[in-house]
């Protein structure tokens, strides 16, 4: 849904955050969790979230341009 103010957008935003966390966590976290992330894990998480965000922005722009 392409609503940029109000509950539908906020719900979509929250769902995207959850999805990014799940996808990037599964991709980047190997083994046990330490008290802090190594540089490679931090870089992986950052790159993963950035890539995901770019795709989501493109999807949202395409969706909204159709309406």
PDB file of N, CA and C in Angstrom:
ATOM      1  N   UNK A   1       0.851  -1.172   0.000  1.00  0.00           N
ATOM      2  CA  UNK A   1       0.000   0.000   0.000  1.00  0.00           C
ATOM      3  C   UNK A   1       0.893   1.231   0.000  1.00  0.00           C
ATOM      4  N   UNK A   2       0.544   2.229  -0.799  1.00  0.00           N
ATOM      5  CA  UNK A   2       1.369   3.416  -0.971  1.00  0.00           C
ATOM      6  C   UNK A   2       0.768   4.612  -0.253  1.00  0.00           C
ATOM      7  N   UNK A   3       0.756   4.573   1.023  1.00  0.00           N
ATOM      8  CA  UNK A   3       0.257   5.686   1.820  1.00  0.00           C
ATOM      9  C   UNK A   3       1.428   6.239   2.605  1.00  0.00           C
ATOM     10  N   UNK A   4       1.714   7.527   2.430  1.00  0.00           N
ATOM     11  CA  UNK A   4       2.900   8.118   3.057  1.00  0.00           C
ATOM     12  C   UNK A   4       2.579   8.907   4.311  1.00  0.00           C
ATOM     13  N   UNK A   5       1.674   8.521   5.055  1.00  0.00           N
ATOM     14  CA  UNK A   5       1.364   9.186   6.314  1.00  0.00           C
ATOM     15  C   UNK A   5       0.231   8.434   6.966  1.00  0.00           C
ATOM     16  N   UNK A   6       0.429   7.979   8.148  1.00  0.00           N
ATOM     17  CA  UNK A   6      -0.620   7.235   8.808  1.00  0.00           C
ATOM     18  C   UNK A   6      -0.245   5.787   9.026  1.00  0.00           C
ATOM     19  N   UNK A   7      -1.176   5.064   9.532  1.00  0.00           N
ATOM     20  CA  UNK A   7      -0.942   3.690   9.975  1.00  0.00           C
ATOM     21  C   UNK A   7      -0.420   2.748   8.896  1.00  0.00           C
ATOM     22  N   UNK A   8      -0.963   2.761   7.657  1.00  0.00           N
ATOM     23  CA  UNK A   8      -0.446   1.799   6.663  1.00  0.00           C
ATOM     24  C   UNK A   8       1.052   1.973   6.403  1.00  0.00           C
ATOM     25  N   UNK A   9       1.518   3.203   6.286  1.00  0.00           N
ATOM     26  CA  UNK A   9       2.937   3.446   6.040  1.00  0.00           C
ATOM     27  C   UNK A   9       3.771   3.033   7.245  1.00  0.00           C
ATOM     28  N   UNK A  10       3.301   3.361   8.458  1.00  0.00           N
ATOM     29  CA  UNK A  10       4.042   3.005   9.667  1.00  0.00           C
ATOM     30  C   UNK A  10       4.133   1.490   9.812  1.00  0.00           C
ATOM     31  N   UNK A  11       3.066   0.791   9.520  1.00  0.00           N
ATOM     32  CA  UNK A  11       3.074  -0.668   9.592  1.00  0.00           C
ATOM     33  C   UNK A  11       4.042  -1.230   8.576  1.00  0.00           C
ATOM     34  N   UNK A  12       4.018  -0.698   7.367  1.00  0.00           N
ATOM     35  CA  UNK A  12       4.925  -1.151   6.320  1.00  0.00           C
ATOM     36  C   UNK A  12       6.375  -0.904   6.718  1.00  0.00           C
ATOM     37  N   UNK A  13       6.642   0.242   7.311  1.00  0.00           N
ATOM     38  CA  UNK A  13       7.991   0.581   7.763  1.00  0.00           C
ATOM     39  C   UNK A  13       8.458  -0.411   8.822  1.00  0.00           C
ATOM     40  N   UNK A  14       7.616  -0.703   9.786  1.00  0.00           N
ATOM     41  CA  UNK A  14       7.965  -1.638  10.850  1.00  0.00           C
ATOM     42  C   UNK A  14       8.216  -3.032  10.268  1.00  0.00           C
ATOM     43  N   UNK A  15       7.351  -3.455   9.345  1.00  0.00           N
ATOM     44  CA  UNK A  15       7.514  -4.773   8.728  1.00  0.00           C
ATOM     45  C   UNK A  15       8.820  -4.849   7.945  1.00  0.00           C
ATOM     46  N   UNK A  16       9.196  -3.753   7.286  1.00  0.00           N
ATOM     47  CA  UNK A  16      10.453  -3.709   6.540  1.00  0.00           C
ATOM     48  C   UNK A  16      11.634  -3.832   7.482  1.00  0.00           C
ATOM     49  N   UNK A  17      11.595  -3.142   8.617  1.00  0.00           N
ATOM     50  CA  UNK A  17      12.682  -3.231   9.599  1.00  0.00           C
ATOM     51  C   UNK A  17      12.838  -4.663  10.099  1.00  0.00           C
ATOM     52  N   UNK A  18      11.737  -5.317  10.368  1.00  0.00           N
ATOM     53  CA  UNK A  18      11.780  -6.698  10.844  1.00  0.00           C
ATOM     54  C   UNK A  18      12.362  -7.606   9.763  1.00  0.00           C
ATOM     55  N   UNK A  19      11.932  -7.414   8.529  1.00  0.00           N
ATOM     56  CA  UNK A  19      12.413  -8.236   7.421  1.00  0.00           C
ATOM     57  C   UNK A  19      13.909  -8.040   7.204  1.00  0.00           C
ATOM     58  N   UNK A  20      14.362  -6.781   7.229  1.00  0.00           N
ATOM     59  CA  UNK A  20      15.792  -6.482   7.058  1.00  0.00           C
ATOM     60  C   UNK A  20      16.597  -7.131   8.170  1.00  0.00           C
ATOM     61  N   UNK A  21      16.122  -7.028   9.388  1.00  0.00           N
ATOM     62  CA  UNK A  21      16.824  -7.632  10.517  1.00  0.00           C
ATOM     63  C   UNK A  21      16.943  -9.134  10.327  1.00  0.00           C
ATOM     64  N   UNK A  22      15.850  -9.782   9.951  1.00  0.00           N
ATOM     65  CA  UNK A  22      15.865 -11.233   9.754  1.00  0.00           C
ATOM     66  C   UNK A  22      16.802 -11.649   8.624  1.00  0.00           C
ATOM     67  N   UNK A  23      16.676 -10.975   7.489  1.00  0.00           N
ATOM     68  CA  UNK A  23      17.480 -11.337   6.311  1.00  0.00           C
ATOM     69  C   UNK A  23      18.965 -11.105   6.589  1.00  0.00           C
ATOM     70  N   UNK A  24      19.295  -9.923   7.083  1.00  0.00           N
ATOM     71  CA  UNK A  24      20.705  -9.578   7.284  1.00  0.00           C
ATOM     72  C   UNK A  24      21.321 -10.370   8.433  1.00  0.00           C
ATOM     73  N   UNK A  25      20.547 -10.638   9.459  1.00  0.00           N
ATOM     74  CA  UNK A  25      21.055 -11.438  10.580  1.00  0.00           C
ATOM     75  C   UNK A  25      21.428 -12.832  10.085  1.00  0.00           C
ATOM     76  N   UNK A  26      20.508 -13.446   9.335  1.00  0.00           N
ATOM     77  CA  UNK A  26      20.767 -14.792   8.820  1.00  0.00           C
ATOM     78  C   UNK A  26      21.965 -14.811   7.876  1.00  0.00           C
ATOM     79  N   UNK A  27      22.138 -13.751   7.110  1.00  0.00           N
ATOM     80  CA  UNK A  27      23.228 -13.685   6.139  1.00  0.00           C
ATOM     81  C   UNK A  27      24.576 -13.429   6.812  1.00  0.00           C
ATOM     82  N   UNK A  28      24.609 -12.599   7.837  1.00  0.00           N
ATOM     83  CA  UNK A  28      25.881 -12.085   8.360  1.00  0.00           C
ATOM     84  C   UNK A  28      26.350 -12.692   9.674  1.00  0.00           C
ATOM     85  N   UNK A  29      25.445 -13.179  10.488  1.00  0.00           N
ATOM     86  CA  UNK A  29      25.824 -13.681  11.811  1.00  0.00           C
ATOM     87  C   UNK A  29      26.093 -15.180  11.716  1.00  0.00           C
ATOM     88  N   UNK A  30      27.331 -15.531  11.980  1.00  0.00           N
ATOM     89  CA  UNK A  30      27.732 -16.930  11.953  1.00  0.00           C
ATOM     90  C   UNK A  30      28.221 -17.306  13.354  1.00  0.00           C
ATOM     91  N   UNK A  31      27.695 -18.369  13.879  1.00  0.00           N
ATOM     92  CA  UNK A  31      28.159 -18.827  15.180  1.00  0.00           C
ATOM     93  C   UNK A  31      27.536 -18.058  16.329  1.00  0.00           C
ATOM     94  N   UNK A  32      28.245 -18.043  17.436  1.00  0.00           N
ATOM     95  CA  UNK A  32      27.711 -17.425  18.642  1.00  0.00           C
ATOM     96  C   UNK A  32      27.865 -15.905  18.610  1.00  0.00           C
ATOM     97  N   UNK A  33      27.036 -15.254  19.381  1.00  0.00           N
ATOM     98  CA  UNK A  33      27.035 -13.791  19.456  1.00  0.00           C
ATOM     99  C   UNK A  33      28.025 -13.356  20.536  1.00  0.00           C
ATOM    100  N   UNK A  34      28.844 -12.385  20.189  1.00  0.00           N
ATOM    101  CA  UNK A  34      29.815 -11.823  21.134  1.00  0.00           C
ATOM    102  C   UNK A  34      29.241 -10.535  21.728  1.00  0.00           C
ATOM    103  N   UNK A  35      30.007  -9.875  22.584  1.00  0.00           N
ATOM    104  CA  UNK A  35      29.535  -8.619  23.181  1.00  0.00           C
ATOM    105  C   UNK A  35      29.507  -7.486  22.164  1.00  0.00           C
ATOM    106  N   UNK A  36      30.260  -7.630  21.075  1.00  0.00           N
ATOM    107  CA  UNK A  36      30.221  -6.646  19.987  1.00  0.00           C
ATOM    108  C   UNK A  36      30.497  -7.376  18.673  1.00  0.00           C
ATOM    109  N   UNK A  37      30.145  -6.735  17.573  1.00  0.00           N
ATOM    110  CA  UNK A  37      30.354  -7.338  16.264  1.00  0.00           C
ATOM    111  C   UNK A  37      31.775  -7.095  15.785  1.00  0.00           C
ATOM    112  N   UNK A  38      32.328  -8.066  15.089  1.00  0.00           N
ATOM    113  CA  UNK A  38      33.627  -7.884  14.449  1.00  0.00           C
ATOM    114  C   UNK A  38      33.449  -6.886  13.301  1.00  0.00           C
ATOM    115  N   UNK A  39      34.561  -6.388  12.790  1.00  0.00           N
ATOM    116  CA  UNK A  39      34.475  -5.444  11.664  1.00  0.00           C
ATOM    117  C   UNK A  39      33.801  -6.074  10.459  1.00  0.00           C
ATOM    118  N   UNK A  40      34.128  -7.327  10.188  1.00  0.00           N
ATOM    119  CA  UNK A  40      33.543  -7.983   9.012  1.00  0.00           C
ATOM    120  C   UNK A  40      32.028  -8.170   9.171  1.00  0.00           C
ATOM    121  N   UNK A  41      31.581  -8.528  10.365  1.00  0.00           N
ATOM    122  CA  UNK A  41      30.146  -8.698  10.602  1.00  0.00           C
ATOM    123  C   UNK A  41      29.446  -7.344  10.525  1.00  0.00           C
ATOM    124  N   UNK A  42      30.025  -6.324  11.134  1.00  0.00           N
ATOM    125  CA  UNK A  42      29.430  -4.985  11.088  1.00  0.00           C
ATOM    126  C   UNK A  42      29.323  -4.491   9.652  1.00  0.00           C
ATOM    127  N   UNK A  43      30.354  -4.740   8.862  1.00  0.00           N
ATOM    128  CA  UNK A  43      30.352  -4.343   7.460  1.00  0.00           C
ATOM    129  C   UNK A  43      29.282  -5.111   6.684  1.00  0.00           C
ATOM    130  N   UNK A  44      29.187  -6.397   6.929  1.00  0.00           N
ATOM    131  CA  UNK A  44      28.183  -7.228   6.272  1.00  0.00           C
ATOM    132  C   UNK A  44      26.771  -6.721   6.596  1.00  0.00           C
ATOM    133  N   UNK A  45      26.501  -6.461   7.870  1.00  0.00           N
ATOM    134  CA  UNK A  45      25.181  -5.977   8.277  1.00  0.00           C
ATOM    135  C   UNK A  45      24.859  -4.637   7.631  1.00  0.00           C
ATOM    136  N   UNK A  46      25.838  -3.759   7.618  1.00  0.00           N
ATOM    137  CA  UNK A  46      25.640  -2.431   7.023  1.00  0.00           C
ATOM    138  C   UNK A  46      25.364  -2.538   5.530  1.00  0.00           C
ATOM    139  N   UNK A  47      26.178  -3.310   4.828  1.00  0.00           N
ATOM    140  CA  UNK A  47      26.000  -3.482   3.385  1.00  0.00           C
ATOM    141  C   UNK A  47      24.676  -4.163   3.062  1.00  0.00           C
ATOM    142  N   UNK A  48      24.321  -5.143   3.842  1.00  0.00           N
ATOM    143  CA  UNK A  48      23.073  -5.868   3.626  1.00  0.00           C
ATOM    144  C   UNK A  48      21.877  -4.927   3.799  1.00  0.00           C
ATOM    145  N   UNK A  49      21.874  -4.169   4.891  1.00  0.00           N
ATOM    146  CA  UNK A  49      20.770  -3.242   5.152  1.00  0.00           C
ATOM    147  C   UNK A  49      20.690  -2.171   4.073  1.00  0.00           C
ATOM    148  N   UNK A  50      21.844  -1.677   3.638  1.00  0.00           N
ATOM    149  CA  UNK A  50      21.882  -0.660   2.590  1.00  0.00           C
ATOM    150  C   UNK A  50      21.307  -1.201   1.283  1.00  0.00           C
ATOM    151  N   UNK A  51      21.736  -2.395   0.908  1.00  0.00           N
ATOM    152  CA  UNK A  51      21.231  -3.014  -0.317  1.00  0.00           C
ATOM    153  C   UNK A  51      19.729  -3.249  -0.243  1.00  0.00           C
ATOM    154  N   UNK A  52      19.289  -3.721   0.900  1.00  0.00           N
ATOM    155  CA  UNK A  52      17.864  -3.989   1.090  1.00  0.00           C
ATOM    156  C   UNK A  52      17.074  -2.691   1.010  1.00  0.00           C
ATOM    157  N   UNK A  53      17.584  -1.634   1.657  1.00  0.00           N
ATOM    158  CA  UNK A  53      16.896  -0.340   1.669  1.00  0.00           C
ATOM    159  C   UNK A  53      16.789   0.236   0.267  1.00  0.00           C
ATOM    160  N   UNK A  54      17.840   0.117  -0.516  1.00  0.00           N
ATOM    161  CA  UNK A  54      17.801   0.622  -1.890  1.00  0.00           C
ATOM    162  C   UNK A  54      16.727  -0.089  -2.695  1.00  0.00           C
ATOM    163  N   UNK A  55      16.613  -1.384  -2.531  1.00  0.00           N
ATOM    164  CA  UNK A  55      15.574  -2.141  -3.224  1.00  0.00           C
ATOM    165  C   UNK A  55      14.185  -1.761  -2.768  1.00  0.00           C
ATOM    166  N   UNK A  56      14.007  -1.556  -1.471  1.00  0.00           N
ATOM    167  CA  UNK A  56      12.703  -1.180  -0.932  1.00  0.00           C
ATOM    168  C   UNK A  56      12.291   0.202  -1.418  1.00  0.00           C
ATOM    169  N   UNK A  57      13.229   1.133  -1.482  1.00  0.00           N
ATOM    170  CA  UNK A  57      12.921   2.481  -1.954  1.00  0.00           C
ATOM    171  C   UNK A  57      12.479   2.420  -3.403  1.00  0.00           C
ATOM    172  N   UNK A  58      13.183   1.636  -4.216  1.00  0.00           N
ATOM    173  CA  UNK A  58      12.812   1.484  -5.618  1.00  0.00           C
ATOM    174  C   UNK A  58      11.421   0.869  -5.745  1.00  0.00           C
ATOM    175  N   UNK A  59      11.150  -0.168  -4.954  1.00  0.00           N
ATOM    176  CA  UNK A  59       9.843  -0.821  -4.997  1.00  0.00           C
ATOM    177  C   UNK A  59       8.740   0.150  -4.605  1.00  0.00           C
ATOM    178  N   UNK A  60       8.990   0.938  -3.540  1.00  0.00           N
ATOM    179  CA  UNK A  60       7.992   1.888  -3.060  1.00  0.00           C
ATOM    180  C   UNK A  60       7.744   2.973  -4.106  1.00  0.00           C
ATOM    181  N   UNK A  61       8.796   3.475  -4.734  1.00  0.00           N
ATOM    182  CA  UNK A  61       8.659   4.511  -5.753  1.00  0.00           C
ATOM    183  C   UNK A  61       7.867   3.968  -6.932  1.00  0.00           C
ATOM    184  N   UNK A  62       8.151   2.731  -7.348  1.00  0.00           N
ATOM    185  CA  UNK A  62       7.421   2.125  -8.465  1.00  0.00           C
ATOM    186  C   UNK A  62       5.947   1.929  -8.100  1.00  0.00           C
ATOM    187  N   UNK A  63       5.688   1.474  -6.913  1.00  0.00           N
ATOM    188  CA  UNK A  63       4.304   1.254  -6.453  1.00  0.00           C
ATOM    189  C   UNK A  63       3.549   2.566  -6.460  1.00  0.00           C
ATOM    190  N   UNK A  64       4.127   3.590  -5.897  1.00  0.00           N
ATOM    191  CA  UNK A  64       3.434   4.874  -5.787  1.00  0.00           C
ATOM    192  C   UNK A  64       3.270   5.550  -7.136  1.00  0.00           C
ATOM    193  N   UNK A  65       4.176   5.310  -8.070  1.00  0.00           N
ATOM    194  CA  UNK A  65       4.049   5.932  -9.388  1.00  0.00           C
ATOM    195  C   UNK A  65       2.907   5.306 -10.192  1.00  0.00           C
ATOM    196  N   UNK A  66       2.475   4.121  -9.777  1.00  0.00           N
ATOM    197  CA  UNK A  66       1.375   3.443 -10.473  1.00  0.00           C
ATOM    198  C   UNK A  66       0.012   3.970 -10.051  1.00  0.00           C
ATOM    199  N   UNK A  67      -0.038   4.679  -8.930  1.00  0.00           N
ATOM    200  CA  UNK A  67      -1.338   5.144  -8.398  1.00  0.00           C
ATOM    201  C   UNK A  67      -1.523   6.618  -8.645  1.00  0.00           C
TER     202      UNK A  67
END
